[in-house]
Amino acid sequence: MAIIRAMKKNLLVALALASMLIATAAAAQPAPYNAAGATFGHWHIASKDVEANKKLFLAMGGKLYMPGGQPLIAFPGLYISLVLNGEVGNGAPAGSVINHVGLFVDDVQKRTAEWKAKGVTVLPGNPLPTGGNRLDQAFVVTPDGVRMEIQEDKTQKVPVRNGHVHFSLPAAEIPKAIAWYARVFGGETTTRNDAPIVSVPGDQLRFNEAKEPQAPTRHRVLDHIGFDVKDHAAFVKRLEGMGIKLDEPVAKGSTGNTIAYITDPWGTRIEIVQRLPVGPQVTQTASVR
């Protein structure tokens, strides 16, 4: 009987460990690829203070990985790269084609209270016509000025996940951008609050009207966004078949990934990545203090 009990105990420990490994792996993976072989990949922040950004995202529930010795933060459906070949971005996203980015949480008030307890500065949601502020929305700004909109999805099964990229374009350009992103990345055109969006695996691409054309993202703090692809060569061939030229030849990135860059017609720099495994999660204190 003692042997049987020991075997059962060992089995339970093994199952628990396997469950933890699966959960960790899920946190470090983008959403499944769509029919075009693409899924949303990352935000690439050319950080002025890598450690301060890293502490912020960890306090918000992100997981830390160190592929190639470089910090990579993971939330479900999203990677956040904090190092860009020694470059430091100049200027927050606002004023560029990408105005801000967003995350979904299961409970805004609960999660933001947890973040505040770890030293994260949380800004209130937008004002309500009747007074006060929205309780299902909040904002967090990174040390470099990247504004993140925090929205609530009570149906999700994880505390925090990728949410959206919010573009800012002249009104006449928005339908063109919607069609472009749907065609190039196999996105689904749908609506949210009566506004058109493009839904791609792991993310929503949203569009707001700008009174005038905005600056390109290149060399801003949020230098570019990225899509992970299943087959890099095939996806590049797909782009070329659409008449889309690469900004530079296909190369190996600093962490060994196969990468290429394109720029959309409005100035958003986009990295196309076939990603290697990111390695094991690195444990670090989750506090900005």
C-alpha atoms as a PDB file:
ATOM      1  CA  MET A   1       0.000   0.000   0.000  1.00  0.00           C
ATOM      2  CA  ALA A   2       2.845   2.376   0.809  1.00  0.00           C
ATOM      3  CA  ILE A   3       4.304   1.760  -2.637  1.00  0.00           C
ATOM      4  CA  ILE A   4       0.930   2.459  -4.273  1.00  0.00           C
ATOM      5  CA  ARG A   5       0.498   5.668  -2.262  1.00  0.00           C
ATOM      6  CA  ALA A   6       3.994   6.779  -3.261  1.00  0.00           C
ATOM      7  CA  MET A   7       3.235   6.028  -6.919  1.00  0.00           C
ATOM      8  CA  LYS A   8       0.005   8.024  -6.725  1.00  0.00           C
ATOM      9  CA  LYS A   9       1.820  10.921  -5.079  1.00  0.00           C
ATOM     10  CA  ASN A  10       4.512  10.901  -7.759  1.00  0.00           C
ATOM     11  CA  LEU A  11       1.845  10.804 -10.469  1.00  0.00           C
ATOM     12  CA  LEU A  12       0.032  13.792  -8.956  1.00  0.00           C
ATOM     13  CA  VAL A  13       3.291  15.747  -8.744  1.00  0.00           C
ATOM     14  CA  ALA A  14       4.076  14.899 -12.363  1.00  0.00           C
ATOM     15  CA  LEU A  15       0.612  15.947 -13.511  1.00  0.00           C
ATOM     16  CA  ALA A  16       0.858  19.204 -11.566  1.00  0.00           C
ATOM     17  CA  LEU A  17       4.275  19.924 -13.098  1.00  0.00           C
ATOM     18  CA  ALA A  18       2.997  19.121 -16.589  1.00  0.00           C
ATOM     19  CA  SER A  19       0.048  21.443 -16.035  1.00  0.00           C
ATOM     20  CA  MET A  20       2.387  24.254 -14.933  1.00  0.00           C
ATOM     21  CA  LEU A  21       4.606  23.720 -17.969  1.00  0.00           C
ATOM     22  CA  ILE A  22       1.635  23.789 -20.317  1.00  0.00           C
ATOM     23  CA  ALA A  23       0.328  26.983 -18.716  1.00  0.00           C
ATOM     24  CA  THR A  24       3.781  28.587 -18.936  1.00  0.00           C
ATOM     25  CA  ALA A  25       4.137  27.570 -22.568  1.00  0.00           C
ATOM     26  CA  ALA A  26       0.681  28.999 -23.353  1.00  0.00           C
ATOM     27  CA  ALA A  27       1.681  32.325 -21.812  1.00  0.00           C
ATOM     28  CA  ALA A  28       4.727  32.391 -24.099  1.00  0.00           C
ATOM     29  CA  GLN A  29       2.902  31.694 -27.358  1.00  0.00           C
ATOM     30  CA  PRO A  30       0.943  33.862 -29.762  1.00  0.00           C
ATOM     31  CA  ALA A  31      -2.593  32.930 -30.752  1.00  0.00           C
ATOM     32  CA  PRO A  32      -2.924  30.139 -33.362  1.00  0.00           C
ATOM     33  CA  TYR A  33      -2.128  31.082 -36.959  1.00  0.00           C
ATOM     34  CA  ASN A  34      -4.973  31.960 -39.295  1.00  0.00           C
ATOM     35  CA  ALA A  35      -5.474  30.685 -42.842  1.00  0.00           C
ATOM     36  CA  ALA A  36      -2.934  33.232 -44.110  1.00  0.00           C
ATOM     37  CA  GLY A  37      -0.331  31.735 -41.769  1.00  0.00           C
ATOM     38  CA  ALA A  38      -0.165  34.844 -39.567  1.00  0.00           C
ATOM     39  CA  THR A  39      -0.906  35.797 -35.981  1.00  0.00           C
ATOM     40  CA  PHE A  40      -0.263  38.967 -34.023  1.00  0.00           C
ATOM     41  CA  GLY A  41       3.242  38.864 -32.584  1.00  0.00           C
ATOM     42  CA  HIS A  42       4.638  41.820 -30.680  1.00  0.00           C
ATOM     43  CA  TRP A  43       5.009  45.455 -29.772  1.00  0.00           C
ATOM     44  CA  HIS A  44       8.621  46.569 -30.167  1.00  0.00           C
ATOM     45  CA  ILE A  45       9.589  49.303 -27.749  1.00  0.00           C
ATOM     46  CA  ALA A  46      12.934  51.035 -28.220  1.00  0.00           C
ATOM     47  CA  SER A  47      13.296  51.504 -24.468  1.00  0.00           C
ATOM     48  CA  LYS A  48      15.128  54.337 -22.798  1.00  0.00           C
ATOM     49  CA  ASP A  49      15.051  52.409 -19.515  1.00  0.00           C
ATOM     50  CA  VAL A  50      14.768  48.659 -20.093  1.00  0.00           C
ATOM     51  CA  GLU A  51      14.694  47.762 -16.394  1.00  0.00           C
ATOM     52  CA  ALA A  52      11.901  50.218 -15.579  1.00  0.00           C
ATOM     53  CA  ASN A  53       9.781  48.900 -18.454  1.00  0.00           C
ATOM     54  CA  LYS A  54      10.494  45.308 -17.489  1.00  0.00           C
ATOM     55  CA  LYS A  55       9.418  45.919 -13.884  1.00  0.00           C
ATOM     56  CA  LEU A  56       6.209  47.585 -15.029  1.00  0.00           C
ATOM     57  CA  PHE A  57       5.127  44.738 -17.292  1.00  0.00           C
ATOM     58  CA  LEU A  58       6.029  42.093 -14.710  1.00  0.00           C
ATOM     59  CA  ALA A  59       3.973  43.941 -12.091  1.00  0.00           C
ATOM     60  CA  MET A  60       1.061  43.829 -14.543  1.00  0.00           C
ATOM     61  CA  GLY A  61       1.309  40.060 -14.813  1.00  0.00           C
ATOM     62  CA  GLY A  62       3.671  39.609 -17.742  1.00  0.00           C
ATOM     63  CA  LYS A  63       6.122  36.704 -17.937  1.00  0.00           C
ATOM     64  CA  LEU A  64       9.819  37.285 -18.568  1.00  0.00           C
ATOM     65  CA  TYR A  65      11.895  35.346 -21.095  1.00  0.00           C
ATOM     66  CA  MET A  66      15.456  35.986 -22.211  1.00  0.00           C
ATOM     67  CA  PRO A  67      15.936  34.655 -25.763  1.00  0.00           C
ATOM     68  CA  GLY A  68      19.448  35.457 -26.891  1.00  0.00           C
ATOM     69  CA  GLY A  69      19.999  37.230 -23.562  1.00  0.00           C
ATOM     70  CA  GLN A  70      17.438  39.941 -24.416  1.00  0.00           C
ATOM     71  CA  PRO A  71      14.353  40.633 -22.258  1.00  0.00           C
ATOM     72  CA  LEU A  72      11.052  39.591 -23.800  1.00  0.00           C
ATOM     73  CA  ILE A  73       7.764  40.052 -21.939  1.00  0.00           C
ATOM     74  CA  ALA A  74       4.874  37.714 -22.710  1.00  0.00           C
ATOM     75  CA  PHE A  75       1.151  38.037 -22.153  1.00  0.00           C
ATOM     76  CA  PRO A  76      -1.300  35.639 -23.791  1.00  0.00           C
ATOM     77  CA  GLY A  77      -1.364  36.597 -27.464  1.00  0.00           C
ATOM     78  CA  LEU A  78       1.445  39.139 -27.175  1.00  0.00           C
ATOM     79  CA  TYR A  79       5.189  39.549 -26.865  1.00  0.00           C
ATOM     80  CA  ILE A  80       6.732  42.878 -25.884  1.00  0.00           C
ATOM     81  CA  SER A  81      10.318  43.402 -27.013  1.00  0.00           C
ATOM     82  CA  LEU A  82      12.217  46.000 -25.010  1.00  0.00           C
ATOM     83  CA  VAL A  83      15.569  46.174 -26.851  1.00  0.00           C
ATOM     84  CA  LEU A  84      16.026  47.305 -30.469  1.00  0.00           C
ATOM     85  CA  ASN A  85      19.651  46.931 -31.490  1.00  0.00           C
ATOM     86  CA  GLY A  86      20.780  49.653 -29.095  1.00  0.00           C
ATOM     87  CA  GLU A  87      18.318  52.214 -30.481  1.00  0.00           C
ATOM     88  CA  VAL A  88      16.405  54.549 -28.169  1.00  0.00           C
ATOM     89  CA  GLY A  89      13.058  55.802 -29.412  1.00  0.00           C
ATOM     90  CA  ASN A  90      12.283  59.492 -29.682  1.00  0.00           C
ATOM     91  CA  GLY A  91       8.698  60.451 -28.948  1.00  0.00           C
ATOM     92  CA  ALA A  92       5.670  58.631 -27.552  1.00  0.00           C
ATOM     93  CA  PRO A  93       3.305  56.864 -29.963  1.00  0.00           C
ATOM     94  CA  ALA A  94       0.694  59.673 -29.804  1.00  0.00           C
ATOM     95  CA  GLY A  95       1.268  61.806 -32.885  1.00  0.00           C
ATOM     96  CA  SER A  96       2.278  58.806 -34.965  1.00  0.00           C
ATOM     97  CA  VAL A  97       0.164  56.413 -37.019  1.00  0.00           C
ATOM     98  CA  ILE A  98      -0.203  54.184 -33.935  1.00  0.00           C
ATOM     99  CA  ASN A  99      -1.784  56.335 -31.231  1.00  0.00           C
ATOM    100  CA  HIS A 100      -1.850  53.744 -28.444  1.00  0.00           C
ATOM    101  CA  VAL A 101      -2.125  50.039 -27.674  1.00  0.00           C
ATOM    102  CA  GLY A 102      -4.348  48.055 -25.330  1.00  0.00           C
ATOM    103  CA  LEU A 103      -4.784  45.048 -23.085  1.00  0.00           C
ATOM    104  CA  PHE A 104      -7.870  43.174 -21.933  1.00  0.00           C
ATOM    105  CA  VAL A 105      -8.296  42.121 -18.301  1.00  0.00           C
ATOM    106  CA  ASP A 106     -11.004  40.005 -16.717  1.00  0.00           C
ATOM    107  CA  ASP A 107     -11.832  42.654 -14.084  1.00  0.00           C
ATOM    108  CA  VAL A 108     -10.486  46.198 -14.393  1.00  0.00           C
ATOM    109  CA  GLN A 109     -11.010  47.205 -10.774  1.00  0.00           C
ATOM    110  CA  LYS A 110      -9.518  43.989  -9.384  1.00  0.00           C
ATOM    111  CA  ARG A 111      -6.473  43.933 -11.638  1.00  0.00           C
ATOM    112  CA  THR A 112      -5.672  47.628 -11.365  1.00  0.00           C
ATOM    113  CA  ALA A 113      -5.900  47.381  -7.552  1.00  0.00           C
ATOM    114  CA  GLU A 114      -3.316  44.587  -7.712  1.00  0.00           C
ATOM    115  CA  TRP A 115      -1.092  46.660  -9.961  1.00  0.00           C
ATOM    116  CA  LYS A 116      -1.334  49.713  -7.730  1.00  0.00           C
ATOM    117  CA  ALA A 117      -0.276  47.588  -4.760  1.00  0.00           C
ATOM    118  CA  LYS A 118       2.896  46.777  -6.723  1.00  0.00           C
ATOM    119  CA  GLY A 119       3.611  50.424  -7.444  1.00  0.00           C
ATOM    120  CA  VAL A 120       2.032  50.793 -10.893  1.00  0.00           C
ATOM    121  CA  THR A 121       0.498  54.183 -11.623  1.00  0.00           C
ATOM    122  CA  VAL A 122      -3.003  53.637 -13.019  1.00  0.00           C
ATOM    123  CA  LEU A 123      -4.981  56.430 -14.653  1.00  0.00           C
ATOM    124  CA  PRO A 124      -8.807  56.416 -14.545  1.00  0.00           C
ATOM    125  CA  GLY A 125     -11.075  55.495 -17.420  1.00  0.00           C
ATOM    126  CA  ASN A 126     -12.633  58.088 -19.686  1.00  0.00           C
ATOM    127  CA  PRO A 127     -15.170  60.510 -18.148  1.00  0.00           C
ATOM    128  CA  LEU A 128     -18.852  59.571 -18.215  1.00  0.00           C
ATOM    129  CA  PRO A 129     -21.472  62.078 -19.425  1.00  0.00           C
ATOM    130  CA  THR A 130     -23.222  61.728 -16.073  1.00  0.00           C
ATOM    131  CA  GLY A 131     -20.044  62.371 -14.083  1.00  0.00           C
ATOM    132  CA  GLY A 132     -17.301  60.159 -12.774  1.00  0.00           C
ATOM    133  CA  ASN A 133     -15.211  57.811 -14.892  1.00  0.00           C
ATOM    134  CA  ARG A 134     -15.708  54.482 -16.584  1.00  0.00           C
ATOM    135  CA  LEU A 135     -14.950  51.641 -14.183  1.00  0.00           C
ATOM    136  CA  ASP A 136     -14.471  49.087 -16.964  1.00  0.00           C
ATOM    137  CA  GLN A 137     -11.564  51.047 -18.417  1.00  0.00           C
ATOM    138  CA  ALA A 138      -8.236  52.415 -17.198  1.00  0.00           C
ATOM    139  CA  PHE A 139      -4.915  53.547 -18.632  1.00  0.00           C
ATOM    140  CA  VAL A 140      -1.285  52.785 -17.839  1.00  0.00           C
ATOM    141  CA  VAL A 141       1.612  54.698 -19.397  1.00  0.00           C
ATOM    142  CA  THR A 142       5.051  53.099 -19.659  1.00  0.00           C
ATOM    143  CA  PRO A 143       8.159  54.995 -18.481  1.00  0.00           C
ATOM    144  CA  ASP A 144       8.813  55.788 -22.156  1.00  0.00           C
ATOM    145  CA  GLY A 145       5.330  57.183 -22.769  1.00  0.00           C
ATOM    146  CA  VAL A 146       3.569  54.251 -24.446  1.00  0.00           C
ATOM    147  CA  ARG A 147      -0.094  54.646 -23.471  1.00  0.00           C
ATOM    148  CA  MET A 148      -1.937  51.388 -22.822  1.00  0.00           C
ATOM    149  CA  GLU A 149      -5.706  51.274 -22.665  1.00  0.00           C
ATOM    150  CA  ILE A 150      -6.965  48.666 -20.202  1.00  0.00           C
ATOM    151  CA  GLN A 151     -10.397  47.268 -21.026  1.00  0.00           C
ATOM    152  CA  GLU A 152     -12.575  44.602 -19.467  1.00  0.00           C
ATOM    153  CA  ASP A 153     -13.633  41.240 -20.870  1.00  0.00           C
ATOM    154  CA  LYS A 154     -15.318  39.248 -18.129  1.00  0.00           C
ATOM    155  CA  THR A 155     -15.542  36.180 -20.398  1.00  0.00           C
ATOM    156  CA  GLN A 156     -11.795  35.642 -20.716  1.00  0.00           C
ATOM    157  CA  LYS A 157     -10.097  32.843 -18.787  1.00  0.00           C
ATOM    158  CA  VAL A 158      -6.818  34.657 -18.078  1.00  0.00           C
ATOM    159  CA  PRO A 159      -6.195  37.775 -15.957  1.00  0.00           C
ATOM    160  CA  VAL A 160      -4.548  39.777 -18.762  1.00  0.00           C
ATOM    161  CA  ARG A 161      -4.260  39.264 -22.500  1.00  0.00           C
ATOM    162  CA  ASN A 162      -3.463  41.171 -25.653  1.00  0.00           C
ATOM    163  CA  GLY A 163      -6.108  43.678 -26.665  1.00  0.00           C
ATOM    164  CA  HIS A 164      -5.614  46.051 -29.562  1.00  0.00           C
ATOM    165  CA  VAL A 165      -3.516  48.418 -31.621  1.00  0.00           C
ATOM    166  CA  HIS A 166      -5.226  51.768 -32.208  1.00  0.00           C
ATOM    167  CA  PHE A 167      -4.299  53.506 -35.446  1.00  0.00           C
ATOM    168  CA  SER A 168      -4.875  57.204 -36.076  1.00  0.00           C
ATOM    169  CA  LEU A 169      -5.566  58.054 -39.725  1.00  0.00           C
ATOM    170  CA  PRO A 170      -7.413  60.659 -41.790  1.00  0.00           C
ATOM    171  CA  ALA A 171     -11.046  59.602 -42.284  1.00  0.00           C
ATOM    172  CA  ALA A 172     -10.659  58.930 -46.005  1.00  0.00           C
ATOM    173  CA  GLU A 173      -7.763  56.555 -45.310  1.00  0.00           C
ATOM    174  CA  ILE A 174      -9.477  54.357 -42.718  1.00  0.00           C
ATOM    175  CA  PRO A 175     -11.456  52.180 -45.188  1.00  0.00           C
ATOM    176  CA  LYS A 176      -8.274  51.701 -47.228  1.00  0.00           C
ATOM    177  CA  ALA A 177      -6.295  50.660 -44.138  1.00  0.00           C
ATOM    178  CA  ILE A 178      -9.012  48.223 -43.061  1.00  0.00           C
ATOM    179  CA  ALA A 179      -8.975  46.595 -46.491  1.00  0.00           C
ATOM    180  CA  TRP A 180      -5.153  46.505 -46.542  1.00  0.00           C
ATOM    181  CA  TYR A 181      -4.742  44.798 -43.152  1.00  0.00           C
ATOM    182  CA  ALA A 182      -7.534  42.329 -43.852  1.00  0.00           C
ATOM    183  CA  ARG A 183      -5.968  41.380 -47.189  1.00  0.00           C
ATOM    184  CA  VAL A 184      -2.314  41.289 -46.143  1.00  0.00           C
ATOM    185  CA  PHE A 185      -2.681  39.473 -42.818  1.00  0.00           C
ATOM    186  CA  GLY A 186      -5.854  37.520 -43.457  1.00  0.00           C
ATOM    187  CA  GLY A 187      -7.793  39.551 -40.899  1.00  0.00           C
ATOM    188  CA  GLU A 188     -11.539  39.497 -40.456  1.00  0.00           C
ATOM    189  CA  THR A 189     -13.365  42.786 -40.950  1.00  0.00           C
ATOM    190  CA  THR A 190     -15.953  43.284 -38.239  1.00  0.00           C
ATOM    191  CA  THR A 191     -17.256  46.038 -35.960  1.00  0.00           C
ATOM    192  CA  ARG A 192     -16.897  47.089 -32.347  1.00  0.00           C
ATOM    193  CA  ASN A 193     -19.200  49.752 -30.904  1.00  0.00           C
ATOM    194  CA  ASP A 194     -20.382  50.411 -34.478  1.00  0.00           C
ATOM    195  CA  ALA A 195     -16.818  51.170 -35.587  1.00  0.00           C
ATOM    196  CA  PRO A 196     -15.033  48.946 -38.136  1.00  0.00           C
ATOM    197  CA  ILE A 197     -12.060  46.911 -36.956  1.00  0.00           C
ATOM    198  CA  VAL A 198      -9.842  44.186 -38.329  1.00  0.00           C
ATOM    199  CA  SER A 199      -9.654  41.129 -36.113  1.00  0.00           C
ATOM    200  CA  VAL A 200      -6.462  39.087 -36.394  1.00  0.00           C
ATOM    201  CA  PRO A 201      -5.470  36.162 -34.181  1.00  0.00           C
ATOM    202  CA  GLY A 202      -4.684  37.562 -30.747  1.00  0.00           C
ATOM    203  CA  ASP A 203      -5.479  41.191 -31.492  1.00  0.00           C
ATOM    204  CA  GLN A 204      -7.896  43.824 -32.749  1.00  0.00           C
ATOM    205  CA  LEU A 205      -6.740  46.530 -35.144  1.00  0.00           C
ATOM    206  CA  ARG A 206      -8.821  49.633 -34.448  1.00  0.00           C
ATOM    207  CA  PHE A 207      -8.937  52.954 -36.243  1.00  0.00           C
ATOM    208  CA  ASN A 208      -9.622  56.509 -35.080  1.00  0.00           C
ATOM    209  CA  GLU A 209      -9.943  59.594 -37.237  1.00  0.00           C
ATOM    210  CA  ALA A 210      -7.044  62.039 -37.306  1.00  0.00           C
ATOM    211  CA  LYS A 211      -7.444  65.553 -38.657  1.00  0.00           C
ATOM    212  CA  GLU A 212      -4.208  65.267 -40.593  1.00  0.00           C
ATOM    213  CA  PRO A 213      -1.690  62.569 -41.556  1.00  0.00           C
ATOM    214  CA  GLN A 214       0.355  61.310 -38.613  1.00  0.00           C
ATOM    215  CA  ALA A 215       4.097  60.667 -38.348  1.00  0.00           C
ATOM    216  CA  PRO A 216       5.585  57.254 -39.210  1.00  0.00           C
ATOM    217  CA  THR A 217       6.287  54.922 -36.302  1.00  0.00           C
ATOM    218  CA  ARG A 218       9.947  54.339 -37.189  1.00  0.00           C
ATOM    219  CA  HIS A 219      12.266  55.765 -34.510  1.00  0.00           C
ATOM    220  CA  ARG A 220       9.426  56.476 -32.079  1.00  0.00           C
ATOM    221  CA  VAL A 221       9.426  54.706 -28.706  1.00  0.00           C
ATOM    222  CA  LEU A 222       6.943  52.199 -30.158  1.00  0.00           C
ATOM    223  CA  ASP A 223       9.061  51.667 -33.243  1.00  0.00           C
ATOM    224  CA  HIS A 224       6.963  48.946 -34.803  1.00  0.00           C
ATOM    225  CA  ILE A 225       4.518  46.112 -34.349  1.00  0.00           C
ATOM    226  CA  GLY A 226       5.104  42.556 -35.469  1.00  0.00           C
ATOM    227  CA  PHE A 227       3.266  39.566 -36.847  1.00  0.00           C
ATOM    228  CA  ASP A 228       4.491  36.023 -36.301  1.00  0.00           C
ATOM    229  CA  VAL A 229       4.189  33.774 -39.347  1.00  0.00           C
ATOM    230  CA  LYS A 230       4.176  30.025 -39.720  1.00  0.00           C
ATOM    231  CA  ASP A 231       6.333  29.883 -42.860  1.00  0.00           C
ATOM    232  CA  HIS A 232       8.471  32.972 -43.428  1.00  0.00           C
ATOM    233  CA  ALA A 233       9.475  32.235 -47.011  1.00  0.00           C
ATOM    234  CA  ALA A 234       5.883  31.496 -48.003  1.00  0.00           C
ATOM    235  CA  PHE A 235       4.597  34.656 -46.323  1.00  0.00           C
ATOM    236  CA  VAL A 236       7.245  36.827 -47.983  1.00  0.00           C
ATOM    237  CA  LYS A 237       6.230  35.302 -51.311  1.00  0.00           C
ATOM    238  CA  ARG A 238       2.621  36.186 -50.451  1.00  0.00           C
ATOM    239  CA  LEU A 239       3.640  39.799 -49.793  1.00  0.00           C
ATOM    240  CA  GLU A 240       5.605  40.026 -53.018  1.00  0.00           C
ATOM    241  CA  GLY A 241       2.611  38.612 -54.903  1.00  0.00           C
ATOM    242  CA  MET A 242       0.608  41.564 -53.557  1.00  0.00           C
ATOM    243  CA  GLY A 243       3.230  44.004 -54.767  1.00  0.00           C
ATOM    244  CA  ILE A 244       4.475  44.745 -51.257  1.00  0.00           C
ATOM    245  CA  LYS A 245       8.224  45.343 -51.121  1.00  0.00           C
ATOM    246  CA  LEU A 246      10.411  44.490 -48.136  1.00  0.00           C
ATOM    247  CA  ASP A 247      12.161  47.437 -46.489  1.00  0.00           C
ATOM    248  CA  GLU A 248      15.344  45.375 -46.356  1.00  0.00           C
ATOM    249  CA  PRO A 249      16.346  41.800 -47.216  1.00  0.00           C
ATOM    250  CA  VAL A 250      15.236  38.858 -45.070  1.00  0.00           C
ATOM    251  CA  ALA A 251      17.712  38.370 -42.220  1.00  0.00           C
ATOM    252  CA  LYS A 252      18.321  36.672 -38.910  1.00  0.00           C
ATOM    253  CA  GLY A 253      17.481  38.834 -35.915  1.00  0.00           C
ATOM    254  CA  SER A 254      19.659  39.242 -32.843  1.00  0.00           C
ATOM    255  CA  THR A 255      17.840  36.339 -31.133  1.00  0.00           C
ATOM    256  CA  GLY A 256      18.047  34.035 -34.147  1.00  0.00           C
ATOM    257  CA  ASN A 257      14.539  34.605 -35.505  1.00  0.00           C
ATOM    258  CA  THR A 258      13.992  34.911 -39.251  1.00  0.00           C
ATOM    259  CA  ILE A 259      12.764  38.473 -39.827  1.00  0.00           C
ATOM    260  CA  ALA A 260      11.823  40.996 -42.464  1.00  0.00           C
ATOM    261  CA  TYR A 261      10.291  44.474 -42.349  1.00  0.00           C
ATOM    262  CA  ILE A 262       7.608  46.183 -44.372  1.00  0.00           C
ATOM    263  CA  THR A 263       5.957  49.572 -43.939  1.00  0.00           C
ATOM    264  CA  ASP A 264       2.241  50.001 -44.493  1.00  0.00           C
ATOM    265  CA  PRO A 265       1.055  52.807 -46.832  1.00  0.00           C
ATOM    266  CA  TRP A 266       0.483  55.106 -43.832  1.00  0.00           C
ATOM    267  CA  GLY A 267       3.861  54.749 -42.113  1.00  0.00           C
ATOM    268  CA  THR A 268       3.486  51.840 -39.683  1.00  0.00           C
ATOM    269  CA  ARG A 269       6.628  49.735 -39.552  1.00  0.00           C
ATOM    270  CA  ILE A 270       5.800  46.024 -39.351  1.00  0.00           C
ATOM    271  CA  GLU A 271       8.146  43.155 -38.571  1.00  0.00           C
ATOM    272  CA  ILE A 272       7.426  39.738 -40.071  1.00  0.00           C
ATOM    273  CA  VAL A 273       8.838  37.060 -37.758  1.00  0.00           C
ATOM    274  CA  GLN A 274       9.275  33.307 -37.809  1.00  0.00           C
ATOM    275  CA  ARG A 275      10.104  32.881 -34.158  1.00  0.00           C
ATOM    276  CA  LEU A 276      12.337  30.345 -32.459  1.00  0.00           C
ATOM    277  CA  PRO A 277      11.323  28.966 -29.043  1.00  0.00           C
ATOM    278  CA  VAL A 278      11.775  31.718 -26.451  1.00  0.00           C
ATOM    279  CA  GLY A 279      13.230  29.386 -23.812  1.00  0.00           C
ATOM    280  CA  PRO A 280      12.300  29.004 -20.154  1.00  0.00           C
ATOM    281  CA  GLN A 281      10.522  31.638 -18.119  1.00  0.00           C
ATOM    282  CA  VAL A 282      12.791  33.736 -15.898  1.00  0.00           C
ATOM    283  CA  THR A 283      11.547  34.483 -12.389  1.00  0.00           C
ATOM    284  CA  GLN A 284      11.940  38.049 -11.168  1.00  0.00           C
ATOM    285  CA  THR A 285      10.242  40.182  -8.521  1.00  0.00           C
ATOM    286  CA  ALA A 286       7.051  41.701  -9.927  1.00  0.00           C
ATOM    287  CA  SER A 287       7.132  45.236  -8.505  1.00  0.00           C
ATOM    288  CA  VAL A 288       8.049  48.649  -9.863  1.00  0.00           C
ATOM    289  CA  ARG A 289       9.377  49.733  -6.464  1.00  0.00           C
END
